[in-house]
């Protein structure tokens, strides 16, 4: 499963904020990590945090694009759309209308 994320490094703590939309209107998961974007520290913290939230080992999540950007794409083994919705709620546009 591929997952688009928007990461903010050097935050006060590691946390998953939930779903938002990127400038093109596509759903992205907003994440903050305490690690700085130096020597891949923020990327490592991001993959570990997302894997943990999904109940997967760290090795199951890999960064496939956006190594030096705020918008990144992760590939996560053994995860389906229902797993993402259970862990983070439904992405925008896929939930129930009020």
C-alpha atoms as a PDB file:
ATOM      1  CA  UNK A   1       0.000   0.000   0.000  1.00  0.00           C
ATOM      2  CA  UNK A   2       1.277   3.478  -0.852  1.00  0.00           C
ATOM      3  CA  UNK A   3       0.564   6.361   1.512  1.00  0.00           C
ATOM      4  CA  UNK A   4       1.072  10.084   0.876  1.00  0.00           C
ATOM      5  CA  UNK A   5       2.223  12.044   3.927  1.00  0.00           C
ATOM      6  CA  UNK A   6       3.050  15.636   4.781  1.00  0.00           C
ATOM      7  CA  UNK A   7       5.709  15.750   7.474  1.00  0.00           C
ATOM      8  CA  UNK A   8       6.812  18.565   9.768  1.00  0.00           C
ATOM      9  CA  UNK A   9      10.251  17.912  11.286  1.00  0.00           C
ATOM     10  CA  UNK A  10      11.581  19.384  14.544  1.00  0.00           C
ATOM     11  CA  UNK A  11       8.154  19.366  16.176  1.00  0.00           C
ATOM     12  CA  UNK A  12       7.715  19.186  19.923  1.00  0.00           C
ATOM     13  CA  UNK A  13       6.824  15.499  19.724  1.00  0.00           C
ATOM     14  CA  UNK A  14       6.028  12.703  17.308  1.00  0.00           C
ATOM     15  CA  UNK A  15       2.336  12.631  16.425  1.00  0.00           C
ATOM     16  CA  UNK A  16      -0.066  11.830  13.632  1.00  0.00           C
ATOM     17  CA  UNK A  17      -2.432  14.758  13.131  1.00  0.00           C
ATOM     18  CA  UNK A  18      -4.844  13.130  10.707  1.00  0.00           C
ATOM     19  CA  UNK A  19      -5.899  13.597   7.112  1.00  0.00           C
ATOM     20  CA  UNK A  20      -5.667  16.766   5.027  1.00  0.00           C
ATOM     21  CA  UNK A  21      -5.398  17.562   1.325  1.00  0.00           C
ATOM     22  CA  UNK A  22      -2.273  18.469  -0.614  1.00  0.00           C
ATOM     23  CA  UNK A  23      -2.248  21.509  -2.967  1.00  0.00           C
ATOM     24  CA  UNK A  24      -3.647  19.297  -5.754  1.00  0.00           C
ATOM     25  CA  UNK A  25      -6.571  18.195  -3.551  1.00  0.00           C
ATOM     26  CA  UNK A  26      -5.345  14.642  -2.910  1.00  0.00           C
ATOM     27  CA  UNK A  27      -5.587  13.172   0.616  1.00  0.00           C
ATOM     28  CA  UNK A  28      -2.371  13.174   2.665  1.00  0.00           C
ATOM     29  CA  UNK A  29      -1.696  12.097   6.219  1.00  0.00           C
ATOM     30  CA  UNK A  30      -0.254  14.970   8.273  1.00  0.00           C
ATOM     31  CA  UNK A  31       2.526  13.898  10.636  1.00  0.00           C
ATOM     32  CA  UNK A  32       4.880  15.750  12.981  1.00  0.00           C
ATOM     33  CA  UNK A  33       8.179  14.295  14.158  1.00  0.00           C
ATOM     34  CA  UNK A  34      10.590  15.599  16.791  1.00  0.00           C
ATOM     35  CA  UNK A  35      13.664  14.587  14.780  1.00  0.00           C
ATOM     36  CA  UNK A  36      15.429  17.150  12.626  1.00  0.00           C
ATOM     37  CA  UNK A  37      15.645  16.722   8.865  1.00  0.00           C
ATOM     38  CA  UNK A  38      19.368  15.967   9.092  1.00  0.00           C
ATOM     39  CA  UNK A  39      21.008  12.752   7.859  1.00  0.00           C
ATOM     40  CA  UNK A  40      17.605  11.115   7.330  1.00  0.00           C
ATOM     41  CA  UNK A  41      16.560  11.414  10.981  1.00  0.00           C
ATOM     42  CA  UNK A  42      13.105  12.827  10.251  1.00  0.00           C
ATOM     43  CA  UNK A  43      12.487  10.218   7.550  1.00  0.00           C
ATOM     44  CA  UNK A  44      13.449   7.386   9.907  1.00  0.00           C
ATOM     45  CA  UNK A  45      11.205   8.806  12.640  1.00  0.00           C
ATOM     46  CA  UNK A  46       8.346   9.129  10.142  1.00  0.00           C
ATOM     47  CA  UNK A  47       8.519   5.544   8.911  1.00  0.00           C
ATOM     48  CA  UNK A  48       8.834   4.208  12.467  1.00  0.00           C
ATOM     49  CA  UNK A  49       5.868   6.254  13.712  1.00  0.00           C
ATOM     50  CA  UNK A  50       3.559   5.272  10.847  1.00  0.00           C
ATOM     51  CA  UNK A  51       4.557   1.602  11.075  1.00  0.00           C
ATOM     52  CA  UNK A  52       3.906   1.580  14.816  1.00  0.00           C
ATOM     53  CA  UNK A  53       0.495   3.240  14.403  1.00  0.00           C
ATOM     54  CA  UNK A  54      -0.443   0.534  11.903  1.00  0.00           C
ATOM     55  CA  UNK A  55       0.843  -2.287  14.104  1.00  0.00           C
ATOM     56  CA  UNK A  56       3.569  -3.223  11.629  1.00  0.00           C
ATOM     57  CA  UNK A  57       7.320  -3.652  12.167  1.00  0.00           C
ATOM     58  CA  UNK A  58       9.552  -0.683  11.263  1.00  0.00           C
ATOM     59  CA  UNK A  59      10.916  -2.636   8.319  1.00  0.00           C
ATOM     60  CA  UNK A  60       7.423  -2.768   6.758  1.00  0.00           C
ATOM     61  CA  UNK A  61       7.437   0.992   5.986  1.00  0.00           C
ATOM     62  CA  UNK A  62       9.777   2.492   3.393  1.00  0.00           C
ATOM     63  CA  UNK A  63      10.143   5.963   1.950  1.00  0.00           C
ATOM     64  CA  UNK A  64       9.783   5.723  -1.832  1.00  0.00           C
ATOM     65  CA  UNK A  65       9.753   9.416  -2.778  1.00  0.00           C
ATOM     66  CA  UNK A  66      10.236  12.848  -1.262  1.00  0.00           C
ATOM     67  CA  UNK A  67      13.426  12.185   0.706  1.00  0.00           C
ATOM     68  CA  UNK A  68      14.152  15.931   1.027  1.00  0.00           C
ATOM     69  CA  UNK A  69      10.580  17.271   0.728  1.00  0.00           C
ATOM     70  CA  UNK A  70       7.703  17.822   3.146  1.00  0.00           C
ATOM     71  CA  UNK A  71       5.365  15.781   0.949  1.00  0.00           C
ATOM     72  CA  UNK A  72       6.495  12.173   0.866  1.00  0.00           C
ATOM     73  CA  UNK A  73       5.225   8.819  -0.287  1.00  0.00           C
ATOM     74  CA  UNK A  74       5.596   5.715   1.872  1.00  0.00           C
ATOM     75  CA  UNK A  75       5.159   2.106   0.885  1.00  0.00           C
ATOM     76  CA  UNK A  76       3.891  -0.103   3.690  1.00  0.00           C
ATOM     77  CA  UNK A  77       3.837  -3.890   3.454  1.00  0.00           C
ATOM     78  CA  UNK A  78       0.833  -5.846   4.680  1.00  0.00           C
ATOM     79  CA  UNK A  79      -1.530  -2.862   4.904  1.00  0.00           C
ATOM     80  CA  UNK A  80      -4.789  -2.236   3.056  1.00  0.00           C
ATOM     81  CA  UNK A  81      -7.076   0.785   2.799  1.00  0.00           C
ATOM     82  CA  UNK A  82      -9.249  -0.566   5.630  1.00  0.00           C
ATOM     83  CA  UNK A  83      -6.178  -0.694   7.904  1.00  0.00           C
ATOM     84  CA  UNK A  84      -5.418   2.964   7.147  1.00  0.00           C
ATOM     85  CA  UNK A  85      -9.025   3.958   7.877  1.00  0.00           C
ATOM     86  CA  UNK A  86      -9.009   1.997  11.148  1.00  0.00           C
ATOM     87  CA  UNK A  87      -5.764   3.600  12.323  1.00  0.00           C
ATOM     88  CA  UNK A  88      -6.205   7.177  11.051  1.00  0.00           C
ATOM     89  CA  UNK A  89      -9.885   7.517  10.153  1.00  0.00           C
ATOM     90  CA  UNK A  90     -11.226   7.623   6.617  1.00  0.00           C
ATOM     91  CA  UNK A  91      -9.360   9.898   4.169  1.00  0.00           C
ATOM     92  CA  UNK A  92     -11.170  13.077   3.083  1.00  0.00           C
ATOM     93  CA  UNK A  93     -13.967  12.351   0.669  1.00  0.00           C
ATOM     94  CA  UNK A  94     -14.293   8.723   1.754  1.00  0.00           C
ATOM     95  CA  UNK A  95     -16.135   9.192   5.043  1.00  0.00           C
ATOM     96  CA  UNK A  96     -19.816   9.566   5.743  1.00  0.00           C
ATOM     97  CA  UNK A  97     -21.466  12.837   4.834  1.00  0.00           C
ATOM     98  CA  UNK A  98     -22.985  14.793   7.709  1.00  0.00           C
END
